[in-house]
C-alpha atoms as a PDB file:
ATOM      1  CA  UNK A   1      -4.350   3.826  -0.350  1.00  0.00           C
ATOM      2  CA  UNK A   2      -5.382   7.401  -1.044  1.00  0.00           C
ATOM      3  CA  UNK A   3      -5.267  10.443   1.185  1.00  0.00           C
ATOM      4  CA  UNK A   4      -8.023  10.680   3.738  1.00  0.00           C
ATOM      5  CA  UNK A   5      -7.882   6.952   4.510  1.00  0.00           C
ATOM      6  CA  UNK A   6      -5.221   7.038   7.193  1.00  0.00           C
ATOM      7  CA  UNK A   7      -7.505   4.973   9.420  1.00  0.00           C
ATOM      8  CA  UNK A   8      -6.555   1.935   7.342  1.00  0.00           C
ATOM      9  CA  UNK A   9      -3.003   2.118   8.704  1.00  0.00           C
ATOM     10  CA  UNK A  10      -2.149   0.352  11.932  1.00  0.00           C
ATOM     11  CA  UNK A  11       1.149  -0.192  13.697  1.00  0.00           C
ATOM     12  CA  UNK A  12       2.795  -3.524  14.351  1.00  0.00           C
ATOM     13  CA  UNK A  13       6.123  -5.113  15.166  1.00  0.00           C
ATOM     14  CA  UNK A  14       7.533  -7.615  12.702  1.00  0.00           C
ATOM     15  CA  UNK A  15      10.663  -9.649  12.089  1.00  0.00           C
ATOM     16  CA  UNK A  16      12.519 -10.158   8.816  1.00  0.00           C
ATOM     17  CA  UNK A  17      15.855 -11.442   7.586  1.00  0.00           C
ATOM     18  CA  UNK A  18      18.640  -9.749   5.696  1.00  0.00           C
ATOM     19  CA  UNK A  19      18.254  -8.633   2.082  1.00  0.00           C
ATOM     20  CA  UNK A  20      21.471  -8.133   0.120  1.00  0.00           C
ATOM     21  CA  UNK A  21      21.945  -5.444  -2.525  1.00  0.00           C
ATOM     22  CA  UNK A  22      24.432  -4.903  -5.322  1.00  0.00           C
ATOM     23  CA  UNK A  23      27.231  -2.354  -5.302  1.00  0.00           C
ATOM     24  CA  UNK A  24      27.057   1.076  -6.921  1.00  0.00           C
ATOM     25  CA  UNK A  25      29.374   2.332  -9.617  1.00  0.00           C
ATOM     26  CA  UNK A  26      28.518   5.025 -12.171  1.00  0.00           C
ATOM     27  CA  UNK A  27      26.153   7.967 -12.352  1.00  0.00           C
ATOM     28  CA  UNK A  28      22.423   7.477 -12.999  1.00  0.00           C
ATOM     29  CA  UNK A  29      22.065  10.098 -15.710  1.00  0.00           C
ATOM     30  CA  UNK A  30      18.986  12.218 -16.274  1.00  0.00           C
ATOM     31  CA  UNK A  31      20.434  13.984 -19.301  1.00  0.00           C
ATOM     32  CA  UNK A  32      17.868  14.672 -22.016  1.00  0.00           C
ATOM     33  CA  UNK A  33      14.855  13.853 -19.833  1.00  0.00           C
ATOM     34  CA  UNK A  34      12.071  16.142 -18.748  1.00  0.00           C
ATOM     35  CA  UNK A  35      11.435  16.905 -15.088  1.00  0.00           C
ATOM     36  CA  UNK A  36       9.163  14.041 -13.920  1.00  0.00           C
ATOM     37  CA  UNK A  37       8.021  15.737 -10.709  1.00  0.00           C
ATOM     38  CA  UNK A  38       4.505  16.377 -12.036  1.00  0.00           C
ATOM     39  CA  UNK A  39       4.093  12.970 -13.671  1.00  0.00           C
ATOM     40  CA  UNK A  40       2.110  10.786 -11.278  1.00  0.00           C
ATOM     41  CA  UNK A  41       1.763   7.687 -13.450  1.00  0.00           C
ATOM     42  CA  UNK A  42       0.018   4.953 -11.479  1.00  0.00           C
ATOM     43  CA  UNK A  43       0.607   6.715  -8.138  1.00  0.00           C
ATOM     44  CA  UNK A  44      -1.342   9.932  -7.770  1.00  0.00           C
ATOM     45  CA  UNK A  45      -0.429  10.648  -4.138  1.00  0.00           C
ATOM     46  CA  UNK A  46       3.257  10.982  -3.267  1.00  0.00           C
ATOM     47  CA  UNK A  47       5.319  12.132  -0.311  1.00  0.00           C
ATOM     48  CA  UNK A  48       7.394  14.274  -2.675  1.00  0.00           C
ATOM     49  CA  UNK A  49       4.376  16.293  -3.780  1.00  0.00           C
ATOM     50  CA  UNK A  50       2.817  16.508  -0.323  1.00  0.00           C
ATOM     51  CA  UNK A  51       5.980  17.696   1.422  1.00  0.00           C
ATOM     52  CA  UNK A  52       7.555  19.707  -1.387  1.00  0.00           C
ATOM     53  CA  UNK A  53      10.701  17.701  -2.008  1.00  0.00           C
ATOM     54  CA  UNK A  54      11.252  19.530  -5.290  1.00  0.00           C
ATOM     55  CA  UNK A  55      12.890  18.165  -8.422  1.00  0.00           C
ATOM     56  CA  UNK A  56      14.435  14.696  -8.150  1.00  0.00           C
ATOM     57  CA  UNK A  57      18.210  14.615  -8.475  1.00  0.00           C
ATOM     58  CA  UNK A  58      17.927  11.265 -10.263  1.00  0.00           C
ATOM     59  CA  UNK A  59      14.974   9.277 -11.573  1.00  0.00           C
ATOM     60  CA  UNK A  60      13.837   6.429 -13.813  1.00  0.00           C
ATOM     61  CA  UNK A  61      10.493   6.166 -15.588  1.00  0.00           C
ATOM     62  CA  UNK A  62      11.225   2.851 -17.357  1.00  0.00           C
ATOM     63  CA  UNK A  63       9.956   3.923 -20.767  1.00  0.00           C
ATOM     64  CA  UNK A  64      13.013   2.436 -22.473  1.00  0.00           C
ATOM     65  CA  UNK A  65      14.807  -0.878 -21.791  1.00  0.00           C
ATOM     66  CA  UNK A  66      18.090   1.045 -22.190  1.00  0.00           C
ATOM     67  CA  UNK A  67      17.423   2.556 -18.751  1.00  0.00           C
ATOM     68  CA  UNK A  68      18.504  -0.751 -17.215  1.00  0.00           C
ATOM     69  CA  UNK A  69      22.092   0.200 -18.054  1.00  0.00           C
ATOM     70  CA  UNK A  70      21.889   2.627 -15.115  1.00  0.00           C
ATOM     71  CA  UNK A  71      21.433  -0.261 -12.682  1.00  0.00           C
ATOM     72  CA  UNK A  72      23.483  -3.229 -11.557  1.00  0.00           C
ATOM     73  CA  UNK A  73      21.410  -6.325 -12.398  1.00  0.00           C
ATOM     74  CA  UNK A  74      22.184  -9.138  -9.976  1.00  0.00           C
ATOM     75  CA  UNK A  75      23.706 -12.323 -11.377  1.00  0.00           C
ATOM     76  CA  UNK A  76      24.509 -15.060  -8.874  1.00  0.00           C
ATOM     77  CA  UNK A  77      23.142 -17.075  -5.996  1.00  0.00           C
ATOM     78  CA  UNK A  78      19.745 -16.090  -4.666  1.00  0.00           C
ATOM     79  CA  UNK A  79      18.971 -14.795  -1.193  1.00  0.00           C
ATOM     80  CA  UNK A  80      20.531 -17.091   1.441  1.00  0.00           C
ATOM     81  CA  UNK A  81      21.524 -19.442  -1.390  1.00  0.00           C
ATOM     82  CA  UNK A  82      17.935 -20.037  -2.524  1.00  0.00           C
ATOM     83  CA  UNK A  83      17.753 -20.339  -6.312  1.00  0.00           C
ATOM     84  CA  UNK A  84      19.483 -17.731  -8.439  1.00  0.00           C
ATOM     85  CA  UNK A  85      19.211 -14.039  -9.253  1.00  0.00           C
ATOM     86  CA  UNK A  86      19.657 -13.372 -12.966  1.00  0.00           C
ATOM     87  CA  UNK A  87      19.431 -10.318 -15.267  1.00  0.00           C
ATOM     88  CA  UNK A  88      16.932 -12.296 -17.338  1.00  0.00           C
ATOM     89  CA  UNK A  89      14.399 -11.970 -14.517  1.00  0.00           C
ATOM     90  CA  UNK A  90      14.222  -8.191 -15.123  1.00  0.00           C
ATOM     91  CA  UNK A  91      12.438  -6.560 -18.052  1.00  0.00           C
ATOM     92  CA  UNK A  92      11.085  -3.200 -19.201  1.00  0.00           C
ATOM     93  CA  UNK A  93       7.950  -3.020 -21.351  1.00  0.00           C
ATOM     94  CA  UNK A  94       4.993  -0.655 -21.807  1.00  0.00           C
ATOM     95  CA  UNK A  95       6.486   1.859 -19.391  1.00  0.00           C
ATOM     96  CA  UNK A  96       6.915  -0.600 -16.526  1.00  0.00           C
ATOM     97  CA  UNK A  97       9.810  -2.425 -14.914  1.00  0.00           C
ATOM     98  CA  UNK A  98       9.034  -6.040 -13.966  1.00  0.00           C
ATOM     99  CA  UNK A  99      11.096  -8.306 -11.718  1.00  0.00           C
ATOM    100  CA  UNK A 100       9.858 -11.897 -12.056  1.00  0.00           C
ATOM    101  CA  UNK A 101      10.332 -14.940  -9.864  1.00  0.00           C
ATOM    102  CA  UNK A 102       9.693 -18.193 -11.699  1.00  0.00           C
ATOM    103  CA  UNK A 103       8.578 -21.648 -10.636  1.00  0.00           C
ATOM    104  CA  UNK A 104      12.162 -22.907 -10.422  1.00  0.00           C
ATOM    105  CA  UNK A 105      13.206 -20.327  -7.839  1.00  0.00           C
ATOM    106  CA  UNK A 106      15.002 -17.910 -10.165  1.00  0.00           C
ATOM    107  CA  UNK A 107      14.351 -14.235  -9.480  1.00  0.00           C
ATOM    108  CA  UNK A 108      16.057 -10.873  -9.769  1.00  0.00           C
ATOM    109  CA  UNK A 109      17.206  -7.680  -8.149  1.00  0.00           C
ATOM    110  CA  UNK A 110      18.876  -4.430  -9.116  1.00  0.00           C
ATOM    111  CA  UNK A 111      20.963  -1.730  -7.461  1.00  0.00           C
ATOM    112  CA  UNK A 112      21.265   1.858  -8.624  1.00  0.00           C
ATOM    113  CA  UNK A 113      24.666   2.726 -10.068  1.00  0.00           C
ATOM    114  CA  UNK A 114      26.420   5.885  -9.032  1.00  0.00           C
ATOM    115  CA  UNK A 115      27.253   7.506  -5.710  1.00  0.00           C
ATOM    116  CA  UNK A 116      24.539   7.252  -3.095  1.00  0.00           C
ATOM    117  CA  UNK A 117      23.821   9.840  -0.453  1.00  0.00           C
ATOM    118  CA  UNK A 118      24.070  10.241   3.294  1.00  0.00           C
ATOM    119  CA  UNK A 119      20.670  11.672   4.203  1.00  0.00           C
ATOM    120  CA  UNK A 120      18.149  11.808   1.394  1.00  0.00           C
ATOM    121  CA  UNK A 121      14.792  10.655   0.114  1.00  0.00           C
ATOM    122  CA  UNK A 122      13.721   7.844  -2.175  1.00  0.00           C
ATOM    123  CA  UNK A 123      10.246   7.163  -3.577  1.00  0.00           C
ATOM    124  CA  UNK A 124       9.057   4.290  -5.786  1.00  0.00           C
ATOM    125  CA  UNK A 125       5.670   3.593  -7.399  1.00  0.00           C
ATOM    126  CA  UNK A 126       5.236  -0.178  -7.168  1.00  0.00           C
ATOM    127  CA  UNK A 127       2.894  -3.123  -6.789  1.00  0.00           C
ATOM    128  CA  UNK A 128       3.518  -6.828  -6.077  1.00  0.00           C
ATOM    129  CA  UNK A 129       1.602  -9.924  -7.155  1.00  0.00           C
ATOM    130  CA  UNK A 130       0.388 -12.562  -4.716  1.00  0.00           C
ATOM    131  CA  UNK A 131       2.637 -15.617  -4.326  1.00  0.00           C
ATOM    132  CA  UNK A 132       2.736 -18.951  -2.525  1.00  0.00           C
ATOM    133  CA  UNK A 133       5.100 -18.535   0.425  1.00  0.00           C
ATOM    134  CA  UNK A 134       8.438 -17.823  -1.178  1.00  0.00           C
ATOM    135  CA  UNK A 135       9.084 -14.487  -2.855  1.00  0.00           C
ATOM    136  CA  UNK A 136       9.612 -11.349  -0.754  1.00  0.00           C
ATOM    137  CA  UNK A 137       9.137  -8.053  -2.597  1.00  0.00           C
ATOM    138  CA  UNK A 138      11.564  -5.416  -1.292  1.00  0.00           C
ATOM    139  CA  UNK A 139      12.500  -1.758  -1.803  1.00  0.00           C
ATOM    140  CA  UNK A 140      15.550  -0.729   0.199  1.00  0.00           C
ATOM    141  CA  UNK A 141      18.564   1.498   0.670  1.00  0.00           C
ATOM    142  CA  UNK A 142      21.905  -0.323   0.863  1.00  0.00           C
ATOM    143  CA  UNK A 143      25.381   0.961   1.831  1.00  0.00           C
ATOM    144  CA  UNK A 144      27.651   2.136  -0.975  1.00  0.00           C
ATOM    145  CA  UNK A 145      30.591   0.715   0.980  1.00  0.00           C
ATOM    146  CA  UNK A 146      29.130  -2.823   0.798  1.00  0.00           C
ATOM    147  CA  UNK A 147      29.916  -3.112   4.508  1.00  0.00           C
ATOM    148  CA  UNK A 148      26.716  -4.734   5.720  1.00  0.00           C
ATOM    149  CA  UNK A 149      25.782  -5.169   8.545  1.00  0.00           C
ATOM    150  CA  UNK A 150      27.856  -2.311  10.004  1.00  0.00           C
ATOM    151  CA  UNK A 151      26.833  -0.068   7.088  1.00  0.00           C
ATOM    152  CA  UNK A 152      23.135  -0.555   7.818  1.00  0.00           C
ATOM    153  CA  UNK A 153      20.100  -1.303   5.660  1.00  0.00           C
ATOM    154  CA  UNK A 154      16.774   0.507   5.263  1.00  0.00           C
ATOM    155  CA  UNK A 155      13.977  -1.771   4.008  1.00  0.00           C
ATOM    156  CA  UNK A 156      11.197   0.765   3.412  1.00  0.00           C
ATOM    157  CA  UNK A 157       8.895  -1.754   1.696  1.00  0.00           C
ATOM    158  CA  UNK A 158       9.424  -5.407   2.569  1.00  0.00           C
ATOM    159  CA  UNK A 159       6.568  -7.797   1.811  1.00  0.00           C
ATOM    160  CA  UNK A 160       6.808 -11.321   3.169  1.00  0.00           C
ATOM    161  CA  UNK A 161       3.028 -11.836   3.278  1.00  0.00           C
ATOM    162  CA  UNK A 162       2.071 -14.085   0.320  1.00  0.00           C
ATOM    163  CA  UNK A 163      -1.259 -12.259  -0.042  1.00  0.00           C
ATOM    164  CA  UNK A 164       0.546  -8.876  -0.044  1.00  0.00           C
ATOM    165  CA  UNK A 165      -1.738  -7.367   2.608  1.00  0.00           C
ATOM    166  CA  UNK A 166       0.975  -6.585   5.199  1.00  0.00           C
ATOM    167  CA  UNK A 167       4.048  -4.482   4.421  1.00  0.00           C
ATOM    168  CA  UNK A 168       7.020  -4.240   6.773  1.00  0.00           C
ATOM    169  CA  UNK A 169       9.656  -1.606   7.490  1.00  0.00           C
ATOM    170  CA  UNK A 170      12.970  -2.969   8.755  1.00  0.00           C
ATOM    171  CA  UNK A 171      15.890  -0.780   9.807  1.00  0.00           C
ATOM    172  CA  UNK A 172      19.043  -2.873  10.278  1.00  0.00           C
ATOM    173  CA  UNK A 173      21.942  -1.366  12.214  1.00  0.00           C
ATOM    174  CA  UNK A 174      25.143  -2.226  14.046  1.00  0.00           C
ATOM    175  CA  UNK A 175      27.881  -4.779  13.478  1.00  0.00           C
ATOM    176  CA  UNK A 176      25.692  -7.458  15.085  1.00  0.00           C
ATOM    177  CA  UNK A 177      22.701  -6.703  12.796  1.00  0.00           C
ATOM    178  CA  UNK A 178      20.196  -5.351  15.279  1.00  0.00           C
ATOM    179  CA  UNK A 179      16.862  -4.229  13.924  1.00  0.00           C
ATOM    180  CA  UNK A 180      13.874  -1.984  14.590  1.00  0.00           C
ATOM    181  CA  UNK A 181      10.685  -2.649  12.663  1.00  0.00           C
ATOM    182  CA  UNK A 182       7.079  -1.747  11.966  1.00  0.00           C
ATOM    183  CA  UNK A 183       4.234  -2.815   9.682  1.00  0.00           C
ATOM    184  CA  UNK A 184       1.246  -1.401   7.827  1.00  0.00           C
ATOM    185  CA  UNK A 185      -1.908  -3.156   6.613  1.00  0.00           C
ATOM    186  CA  UNK A 186      -2.529  -2.291   2.949  1.00  0.00           C
ATOM    187  CA  UNK A 187      -3.321  -4.031  -0.336  1.00  0.00           C
ATOM    188  CA  UNK A 188       0.129  -4.036  -1.929  1.00  0.00           C
ATOM    189  CA  UNK A 189      -1.177  -5.825  -5.031  1.00  0.00           C
ATOM    190  CA  UNK A 190      -2.400  -2.342  -6.018  1.00  0.00           C
ATOM    191  CA  UNK A 191      -0.228   0.607  -7.027  1.00  0.00           C
ATOM    192  CA  UNK A 192       1.193   2.678  -4.156  1.00  0.00           C
ATOM    193  CA  UNK A 193       4.034   5.165  -3.776  1.00  0.00           C
ATOM    194  CA  UNK A 194       6.519   3.943  -1.154  1.00  0.00           C
ATOM    195  CA  UNK A 195       8.964   6.511   0.229  1.00  0.00           C
ATOM    196  CA  UNK A 196      11.618   6.916   2.895  1.00  0.00           C
ATOM    197  CA  UNK A 197      13.108  10.170   4.166  1.00  0.00           C
ATOM    198  CA  UNK A 198      16.420  10.031   6.036  1.00  0.00           C
ATOM    199  CA  UNK A 199      17.488  13.233   7.772  1.00  0.00           C
ATOM    200  CA  UNK A 200      20.050  13.891  10.519  1.00  0.00           C
ATOM    201  CA  UNK A 201      17.208  13.702  13.053  1.00  0.00           C
ATOM    202  CA  UNK A 202      14.820  11.001  11.848  1.00  0.00           C
ATOM    203  CA  UNK A 203      14.003   8.235   9.395  1.00  0.00           C
ATOM    204  CA  UNK A 204      10.389   8.291   8.182  1.00  0.00           C
ATOM    205  CA  UNK A 205       8.429   5.926   5.922  1.00  0.00           C
ATOM    206  CA  UNK A 206       5.466   7.041   3.805  1.00  0.00           C
ATOM    207  CA  UNK A 207       2.897   5.323   1.623  1.00  0.00           C
ATOM    208  CA  UNK A 208       0.897   7.500  -0.790  1.00  0.00           C
ATOM    209  CA  UNK A 209       2.183  10.535   1.102  1.00  0.00           C
ATOM    210  CA  UNK A 210       0.992   9.283   4.511  1.00  0.00           C
ATOM    211  CA  UNK A 211       3.525   8.675   7.294  1.00  0.00           C
ATOM    212  CA  UNK A 212       3.280   5.166   8.733  1.00  0.00           C
ATOM    213  CA  UNK A 213       6.604   4.620  10.527  1.00  0.00           C
ATOM    214  CA  UNK A 214       9.286   6.810  12.068  1.00  0.00           C
ATOM    215  CA  UNK A 215      12.279   6.714  14.400  1.00  0.00           C
ATOM    216  CA  UNK A 216      14.342   9.513  15.902  1.00  0.00           C
ATOM    217  CA  UNK A 217      16.914   7.182  17.470  1.00  0.00           C
ATOM    218  CA  UNK A 218      20.073   8.327  15.678  1.00  0.00           C
ATOM    219  CA  UNK A 219      21.997   5.347  17.068  1.00  0.00           C
ATOM    220  CA  UNK A 220      20.122   3.201  14.513  1.00  0.00           C
ATOM    221  CA  UNK A 221      20.885   5.404  11.488  1.00  0.00           C
ATOM    222  CA  UNK A 222      23.261   4.286   8.713  1.00  0.00           C
ATOM    223  CA  UNK A 223      26.767   5.731   9.165  1.00  0.00           C
ATOM    224  CA  UNK A 224      27.614   6.190   5.485  1.00  0.00           C
ATOM    225  CA  UNK A 225      25.990   6.866   2.055  1.00  0.00           C
ATOM    226  CA  UNK A 226      23.256   4.551   0.787  1.00  0.00           C
ATOM    227  CA  UNK A 227      21.761   3.812  -2.630  1.00  0.00           C
ATOM    228  CA  UNK A 228      18.417   2.478  -3.864  1.00  0.00           C
ATOM    229  CA  UNK A 229      17.763  -1.196  -4.619  1.00  0.00           C
ATOM    230  CA  UNK A 230      14.686  -3.134  -5.790  1.00  0.00           C
ATOM    231  CA  UNK A 231      14.420  -6.895  -5.349  1.00  0.00           C
ATOM    232  CA  UNK A 232      12.189  -9.968  -5.515  1.00  0.00           C
ATOM    233  CA  UNK A 233      13.911 -12.407  -3.168  1.00  0.00           C
ATOM    234  CA  UNK A 234      13.568 -16.165  -2.882  1.00  0.00           C
ATOM    235  CA  UNK A 235      13.339 -16.955   0.833  1.00  0.00           C
ATOM    236  CA  UNK A 236      12.929 -20.697   0.307  1.00  0.00           C
ATOM    237  CA  UNK A 237       9.770 -22.750   0.017  1.00  0.00           C
ATOM    238  CA  UNK A 238       7.221 -23.422  -2.705  1.00  0.00           C
ATOM    239  CA  UNK A 239       8.157 -21.447  -5.815  1.00  0.00           C
ATOM    240  CA  UNK A 240       5.674 -23.060  -8.206  1.00  0.00           C
ATOM    241  CA  UNK A 241       3.311 -20.075  -8.301  1.00  0.00           C
ATOM    242  CA  UNK A 242       6.045 -17.583  -9.165  1.00  0.00           C
ATOM    243  CA  UNK A 243       5.644 -13.859  -8.463  1.00  0.00           C
ATOM    244  CA  UNK A 244       6.324 -10.356  -9.715  1.00  0.00           C
ATOM    245  CA  UNK A 245       7.289  -6.889  -8.566  1.00  0.00           C
ATOM    246  CA  UNK A 246       6.167  -4.122 -10.941  1.00  0.00           C
ATOM    247  CA  UNK A 247       7.596  -0.606 -10.832  1.00  0.00           C
ATOM    248  CA  UNK A 248       6.223   2.431 -12.674  1.00  0.00           C
ATOM    249  CA  UNK A 249       8.928   4.871 -11.599  1.00  0.00           C
ATOM    250  CA  UNK A 250      11.709   5.452  -9.050  1.00  0.00           C
ATOM    251  CA  UNK A 251      13.018   8.820  -7.787  1.00  0.00           C
ATOM    252  CA  UNK A 252      15.860  10.011  -5.597  1.00  0.00           C
ATOM    253  CA  UNK A 253      15.762  13.406  -3.859  1.00  0.00           C
ATOM    254  CA  UNK A 254      18.476  15.287  -2.031  1.00  0.00           C
ATOM    255  CA  UNK A 255      18.210  16.400   1.583  1.00  0.00           C
ATOM    256  CA  UNK A 256      17.818  19.230   2.395  1.00  0.00           C
END
């Protein structure tokens, strides 16, 4: 969705289930790389450019498979025990990261190594293929302390819709995993920049630089630092069609 088409966004209330993310460990280095802030790739409209977020403190452009060393690649049981998550489901080629779910229910996910941040901004240029009814495509922030649910969870792009025409935002909070949610109608099989901005006063979601969800209820905010994760999760059901999440780039910005 490009700028000037905000009329295509509509609000909704949705329900989702928990998405787990890996722990963080070492620094995501940007040493030796050029500033990517003016490199749009597949996503020409971004929240970072529109709102002047400046130079990313950390980023990945996935031009080299070696960049995967900056991420924890999940290896174990799949979401809610469905199938498995394996490093083999994640690949980098032709400047793109691909997370693949296969017909046997095996998929993948990855968590950014290094210290996260309390308050900050994340933006990811991504698209997701259509599926049967199984694979959820998710971009999220997860607590460094691995203390979910008390540590919170910010799902700023969660796609349960097999046709990838509805995208959800789910903010999990509290020791009893309460949740506040919203949705946007958009063709997520096409490239879009998905962003979340977490400040002391609000949490805001953007797509292609357009705000589509926001809360100012600080009681729902995460209490501790969070880090970026990207996942294709098996939620159970027919896996025969498989699925993919493709990522052109991912960026983390400080706040303020």
